[in-house]
């Protein structure tokens, strides 16, 4: 069954899941996956970027009230500008394309995007000290959509054009 399926898609059983991936290709693939995780960390760190001048509320009589007002009103007057969502869209497509030059396998091409997705999912949870990297707001959603949608569409396009050129199934 496996050999029949492998012969049907033009691959031998020796090539495995990642055809044409030698030692240098595996090293480049590992670097591309590591680059996906490094860029995710940078995108998350630059996600809370605001444009404009924020105003602090007037001083409150009690310290606890003042702390609550300052914490909720720092961004009053400033506008969130999640440029890292745009950067994630471009970088993830380039990482998937770079993996496509190393191996023509769909599974290999999806490795950087899979690593980025797992890293994003891990950053949603709080850390050991209770720190939360990603808040539940619209810039986080923009980062998720910007990181997954363009690269996913590029993967879909590469897979459909590849199999359409081979006659499909």
C-alpha atoms as a PDB file:
ATOM      1  CA  UNK A   1       0.000   0.000   0.000  1.00  0.00           C
ATOM      2  CA  UNK A   2       2.747   2.443   0.955  1.00  0.00           C
ATOM      3  CA  UNK A   3       4.861   1.659  -2.080  1.00  0.00           C
ATOM      4  CA  UNK A   4       1.833   2.019  -4.337  1.00  0.00           C
ATOM      5  CA  UNK A   5       1.045   5.410  -2.843  1.00  0.00           C
ATOM      6  CA  UNK A   6       4.684   6.497  -3.026  1.00  0.00           C
ATOM      7  CA  UNK A   7       4.902   5.420  -6.648  1.00  0.00           C
ATOM      8  CA  UNK A   8       1.674   7.273  -7.340  1.00  0.00           C
ATOM      9  CA  UNK A   9       3.035  10.579  -6.091  1.00  0.00           C
ATOM     10  CA  UNK A  10       6.426  10.033  -7.714  1.00  0.00           C
ATOM     11  CA  UNK A  11       8.488   9.227  -4.616  1.00  0.00           C
ATOM     12  CA  UNK A  12      10.329   6.119  -3.570  1.00  0.00           C
ATOM     13  CA  UNK A  13      10.149   4.699  -0.065  1.00  0.00           C
ATOM     14  CA  UNK A  14      13.807   5.619   0.471  1.00  0.00           C
ATOM     15  CA  UNK A  15      13.154   9.340   0.093  1.00  0.00           C
ATOM     16  CA  UNK A  16      10.707   9.359   2.998  1.00  0.00           C
ATOM     17  CA  UNK A  17       8.705  12.390   4.030  1.00  0.00           C
ATOM     18  CA  UNK A  18      11.304  15.015   3.103  1.00  0.00           C
ATOM     19  CA  UNK A  19      12.573  14.190  -0.395  1.00  0.00           C
ATOM     20  CA  UNK A  20      15.931  15.575  -1.425  1.00  0.00           C
ATOM     21  CA  UNK A  21      16.877  16.723   2.080  1.00  0.00           C
ATOM     22  CA  UNK A  22      20.572  16.050   2.652  1.00  0.00           C
ATOM     23  CA  UNK A  23      22.679  17.071   5.637  1.00  0.00           C
ATOM     24  CA  UNK A  24      23.093  20.680   4.499  1.00  0.00           C
ATOM     25  CA  UNK A  25      19.380  20.903   3.700  1.00  0.00           C
ATOM     26  CA  UNK A  26      18.515  19.587   7.154  1.00  0.00           C
ATOM     27  CA  UNK A  27      20.774  22.214   8.745  1.00  0.00           C
ATOM     28  CA  UNK A  28      19.130  24.974   6.714  1.00  0.00           C
ATOM     29  CA  UNK A  29      15.691  23.619   7.606  1.00  0.00           C
ATOM     30  CA  UNK A  30      16.603  23.670  11.293  1.00  0.00           C
ATOM     31  CA  UNK A  31      17.811  27.259  10.989  1.00  0.00           C
ATOM     32  CA  UNK A  32      14.579  28.275   9.263  1.00  0.00           C
ATOM     33  CA  UNK A  33      12.517  26.717  12.062  1.00  0.00           C
ATOM     34  CA  UNK A  34      14.703  28.463  14.656  1.00  0.00           C
ATOM     35  CA  UNK A  35      14.308  31.715  12.726  1.00  0.00           C
ATOM     36  CA  UNK A  36      10.522  31.299  12.871  1.00  0.00           C
ATOM     37  CA  UNK A  37      10.695  31.102  16.665  1.00  0.00           C
ATOM     38  CA  UNK A  38      13.106  34.040  16.975  1.00  0.00           C
ATOM     39  CA  UNK A  39      10.971  36.266  14.764  1.00  0.00           C
ATOM     40  CA  UNK A  40       7.876  35.265  16.747  1.00  0.00           C
ATOM     41  CA  UNK A  41       9.518  36.463  19.954  1.00  0.00           C
ATOM     42  CA  UNK A  42      10.447  39.778  18.318  1.00  0.00           C
ATOM     43  CA  UNK A  43       6.954  40.179  16.851  1.00  0.00           C
ATOM     44  CA  UNK A  44       5.363  39.583  20.247  1.00  0.00           C
ATOM     45  CA  UNK A  45       7.740  42.024  21.949  1.00  0.00           C
ATOM     46  CA  UNK A  46       6.936  44.778  19.449  1.00  0.00           C
ATOM     47  CA  UNK A  47       3.201  44.047  19.334  1.00  0.00           C
ATOM     48  CA  UNK A  48       2.166  46.634  21.980  1.00  0.00           C
ATOM     49  CA  UNK A  49       3.414  49.560  19.876  1.00  0.00           C
ATOM     50  CA  UNK A  50       1.310  52.715  20.167  1.00  0.00           C
ATOM     51  CA  UNK A  51       1.304  55.881  18.062  1.00  0.00           C
ATOM     52  CA  UNK A  52       0.276  59.209  19.480  1.00  0.00           C
ATOM     53  CA  UNK A  53       0.566  60.844  22.831  1.00  0.00           C
ATOM     54  CA  UNK A  54      -1.047  59.121  25.760  1.00  0.00           C
ATOM     55  CA  UNK A  55      -2.425  61.133  28.620  1.00  0.00           C
ATOM     56  CA  UNK A  56      -2.434  60.132  32.239  1.00  0.00           C
ATOM     57  CA  UNK A  57      -5.589  60.721  34.251  1.00  0.00           C
ATOM     58  CA  UNK A  58      -5.727  63.381  36.941  1.00  0.00           C
ATOM     59  CA  UNK A  59      -4.415  62.479  40.389  1.00  0.00           C
ATOM     60  CA  UNK A  60      -6.886  60.552  42.524  1.00  0.00           C
ATOM     61  CA  UNK A  61      -7.239  60.957  46.297  1.00  0.00           C
ATOM     62  CA  UNK A  62      -6.485  57.323  47.171  1.00  0.00           C
ATOM     63  CA  UNK A  63      -3.408  55.468  46.010  1.00  0.00           C
ATOM     64  CA  UNK A  64      -5.376  52.354  45.014  1.00  0.00           C
ATOM     65  CA  UNK A  65      -7.765  54.412  42.891  1.00  0.00           C
ATOM     66  CA  UNK A  66      -4.876  56.206  41.238  1.00  0.00           C
ATOM     67  CA  UNK A  67      -3.135  52.929  40.435  1.00  0.00           C
ATOM     68  CA  UNK A  68      -6.314  51.544  38.897  1.00  0.00           C
ATOM     69  CA  UNK A  69      -6.849  54.635  36.789  1.00  0.00           C
ATOM     70  CA  UNK A  70      -3.257  54.773  35.598  1.00  0.00           C
ATOM     71  CA  UNK A  71      -3.287  51.104  34.670  1.00  0.00           C
ATOM     72  CA  UNK A  72      -6.476  51.456  32.656  1.00  0.00           C
ATOM     73  CA  UNK A  73      -5.832  54.861  31.114  1.00  0.00           C
ATOM     74  CA  UNK A  74      -2.229  54.905  29.932  1.00  0.00           C
ATOM     75  CA  UNK A  75      -3.199  54.487  26.304  1.00  0.00           C
ATOM     76  CA  UNK A  76      -5.862  57.201  26.361  1.00  0.00           C
ATOM     77  CA  UNK A  77      -5.191  59.269  23.256  1.00  0.00           C
ATOM     78  CA  UNK A  78      -2.735  56.789  21.753  1.00  0.00           C
ATOM     79  CA  UNK A  79      -3.629  54.387  18.952  1.00  0.00           C
ATOM     80  CA  UNK A  80      -2.412  50.789  18.781  1.00  0.00           C
ATOM     81  CA  UNK A  81      -0.302  50.128  15.701  1.00  0.00           C
ATOM     82  CA  UNK A  82       0.527  46.412  15.417  1.00  0.00           C
ATOM     83  CA  UNK A  83       3.213  46.597  12.743  1.00  0.00           C
ATOM     84  CA  UNK A  84       4.527  43.249  13.883  1.00  0.00           C
ATOM     85  CA  UNK A  85       1.396  41.609  12.441  1.00  0.00           C
ATOM     86  CA  UNK A  86       2.401  42.927   9.023  1.00  0.00           C
ATOM     87  CA  UNK A  87       5.976  41.803   9.621  1.00  0.00           C
ATOM     88  CA  UNK A  88       4.717  38.332  10.600  1.00  0.00           C
ATOM     89  CA  UNK A  89       2.760  38.099   7.356  1.00  0.00           C
ATOM     90  CA  UNK A  90       5.803  38.872   5.226  1.00  0.00           C
ATOM     91  CA  UNK A  91       8.382  36.930   7.240  1.00  0.00           C
ATOM     92  CA  UNK A  92       6.325  33.731   7.513  1.00  0.00           C
ATOM     93  CA  UNK A  93       5.719  33.664   3.763  1.00  0.00           C
ATOM     94  CA  UNK A  94       9.457  34.130   3.202  1.00  0.00           C
ATOM     95  CA  UNK A  95      10.269  31.350   5.672  1.00  0.00           C
ATOM     96  CA  UNK A  96       7.864  28.956   3.936  1.00  0.00           C
ATOM     97  CA  UNK A  97       9.298  29.934   0.553  1.00  0.00           C
ATOM     98  CA  UNK A  98      12.827  29.421   1.869  1.00  0.00           C
ATOM     99  CA  UNK A  99      11.890  25.970   3.114  1.00  0.00           C
ATOM    100  CA  UNK A 100      10.455  25.271  -0.335  1.00  0.00           C
ATOM    101  CA  UNK A 101      13.882  25.866  -1.851  1.00  0.00           C
ATOM    102  CA  UNK A 102      15.390  23.305   0.546  1.00  0.00           C
ATOM    103  CA  UNK A 103      12.762  20.591   0.058  1.00  0.00           C
ATOM    104  CA  UNK A 104       9.790  20.290  -2.250  1.00  0.00           C
ATOM    105  CA  UNK A 105       7.801  18.361   0.345  1.00  0.00           C
ATOM    106  CA  UNK A 106       4.637  19.996   1.647  1.00  0.00           C
ATOM    107  CA  UNK A 107       5.393  18.655   5.137  1.00  0.00           C
ATOM    108  CA  UNK A 108       8.839  20.234   5.124  1.00  0.00           C
ATOM    109  CA  UNK A 109       7.507  23.533   3.828  1.00  0.00           C
ATOM    110  CA  UNK A 110       5.013  23.718   6.682  1.00  0.00           C
ATOM    111  CA  UNK A 111       7.649  23.237   9.430  1.00  0.00           C
ATOM    112  CA  UNK A 112       8.430  26.962  10.015  1.00  0.00           C
ATOM    113  CA  UNK A 113       4.738  27.809  10.113  1.00  0.00           C
ATOM    114  CA  UNK A 114       4.068  24.924  12.496  1.00  0.00           C
ATOM    115  CA  UNK A 115       6.876  26.059  14.816  1.00  0.00           C
ATOM    116  CA  UNK A 116       5.532  29.622  14.730  1.00  0.00           C
ATOM    117  CA  UNK A 117       2.030  28.377  15.596  1.00  0.00           C
ATOM    118  CA  UNK A 118       3.243  26.237  18.504  1.00  0.00           C
ATOM    119  CA  UNK A 119       5.317  29.142  19.827  1.00  0.00           C
ATOM    120  CA  UNK A 120       2.320  31.463  19.558  1.00  0.00           C
ATOM    121  CA  UNK A 121       0.166  28.975  21.453  1.00  0.00           C
ATOM    122  CA  UNK A 122       2.786  28.718  24.199  1.00  0.00           C
ATOM    123  CA  UNK A 123       2.977  32.498  24.553  1.00  0.00           C
ATOM    124  CA  UNK A 124      -0.751  32.724  25.238  1.00  0.00           C
ATOM    125  CA  UNK A 125      -0.301  31.019  28.609  1.00  0.00           C
ATOM    126  CA  UNK A 126       1.221  32.789  31.585  1.00  0.00           C
ATOM    127  CA  UNK A 127       4.789  32.077  32.567  1.00  0.00           C
ATOM    128  CA  UNK A 128       6.150  30.885  35.907  1.00  0.00           C
ATOM    129  CA  UNK A 129       6.073  34.396  37.355  1.00  0.00           C
ATOM    130  CA  UNK A 130       2.553  35.076  36.117  1.00  0.00           C
ATOM    131  CA  UNK A 131       3.709  37.202  33.172  1.00  0.00           C
ATOM    132  CA  UNK A 132       1.455  37.166  30.134  1.00  0.00           C
ATOM    133  CA  UNK A 133       3.106  37.876  26.785  1.00  0.00           C
ATOM    134  CA  UNK A 134      -0.039  38.073  24.648  1.00  0.00           C
ATOM    135  CA  UNK A 135      -3.131  39.878  25.853  1.00  0.00           C
ATOM    136  CA  UNK A 136      -6.675  39.146  24.764  1.00  0.00           C
ATOM    137  CA  UNK A 137      -7.085  42.101  22.447  1.00  0.00           C
ATOM    138  CA  UNK A 138      -7.293  42.866  18.747  1.00  0.00           C
ATOM    139  CA  UNK A 139      -3.542  43.309  18.090  1.00  0.00           C
ATOM    140  CA  UNK A 140      -3.006  39.728  19.262  1.00  0.00           C
ATOM    141  CA  UNK A 141      -5.701  38.550  16.869  1.00  0.00           C
ATOM    142  CA  UNK A 142      -4.117  40.622  14.100  1.00  0.00           C
ATOM    143  CA  UNK A 143      -0.768  38.948  14.811  1.00  0.00           C
ATOM    144  CA  UNK A 144      -2.343  35.485  14.659  1.00  0.00           C
ATOM    145  CA  UNK A 145      -4.193  36.173  11.416  1.00  0.00           C
ATOM    146  CA  UNK A 146      -1.234  38.007   9.883  1.00  0.00           C
ATOM    147  CA  UNK A 147       1.139  35.209  10.803  1.00  0.00           C
ATOM    148  CA  UNK A 148      -0.986  32.288   9.629  1.00  0.00           C
ATOM    149  CA  UNK A 149      -3.243  33.419   6.784  1.00  0.00           C
ATOM    150  CA  UNK A 150      -0.754  34.646   4.135  1.00  0.00           C
ATOM    151  CA  UNK A 151       1.696  31.796   4.758  1.00  0.00           C
ATOM    152  CA  UNK A 152      -1.143  29.265   4.791  1.00  0.00           C
ATOM    153  CA  UNK A 153      -2.476  30.616   1.505  1.00  0.00           C
ATOM    154  CA  UNK A 154       1.031  30.446   0.040  1.00  0.00           C
ATOM    155  CA  UNK A 155       1.334  26.813   1.156  1.00  0.00           C
ATOM    156  CA  UNK A 156      -2.047  26.059  -0.392  1.00  0.00           C
ATOM    157  CA  UNK A 157      -1.027  27.758  -3.637  1.00  0.00           C
ATOM    158  CA  UNK A 158       2.261  25.829  -3.816  1.00  0.00           C
ATOM    159  CA  UNK A 159       0.531  22.516  -3.104  1.00  0.00           C
ATOM    160  CA  UNK A 160      -2.241  23.020  -5.662  1.00  0.00           C
ATOM    161  CA  UNK A 161       0.034  24.261  -8.436  1.00  0.00           C
ATOM    162  CA  UNK A 162       2.447  21.388  -7.827  1.00  0.00           C
ATOM    163  CA  UNK A 163      -0.228  18.699  -7.994  1.00  0.00           C
ATOM    164  CA  UNK A 164      -2.092  20.410 -10.822  1.00  0.00           C
ATOM    165  CA  UNK A 165       1.097  20.291 -12.894  1.00  0.00           C
ATOM    166  CA  UNK A 166       1.491  16.562 -12.176  1.00  0.00           C
ATOM    167  CA  UNK A 167      -2.031  15.713 -13.238  1.00  0.00           C
ATOM    168  CA  UNK A 168      -3.472  15.542  -9.731  1.00  0.00           C
ATOM    169  CA  UNK A 169      -4.892  12.407  -8.151  1.00  0.00           C
END
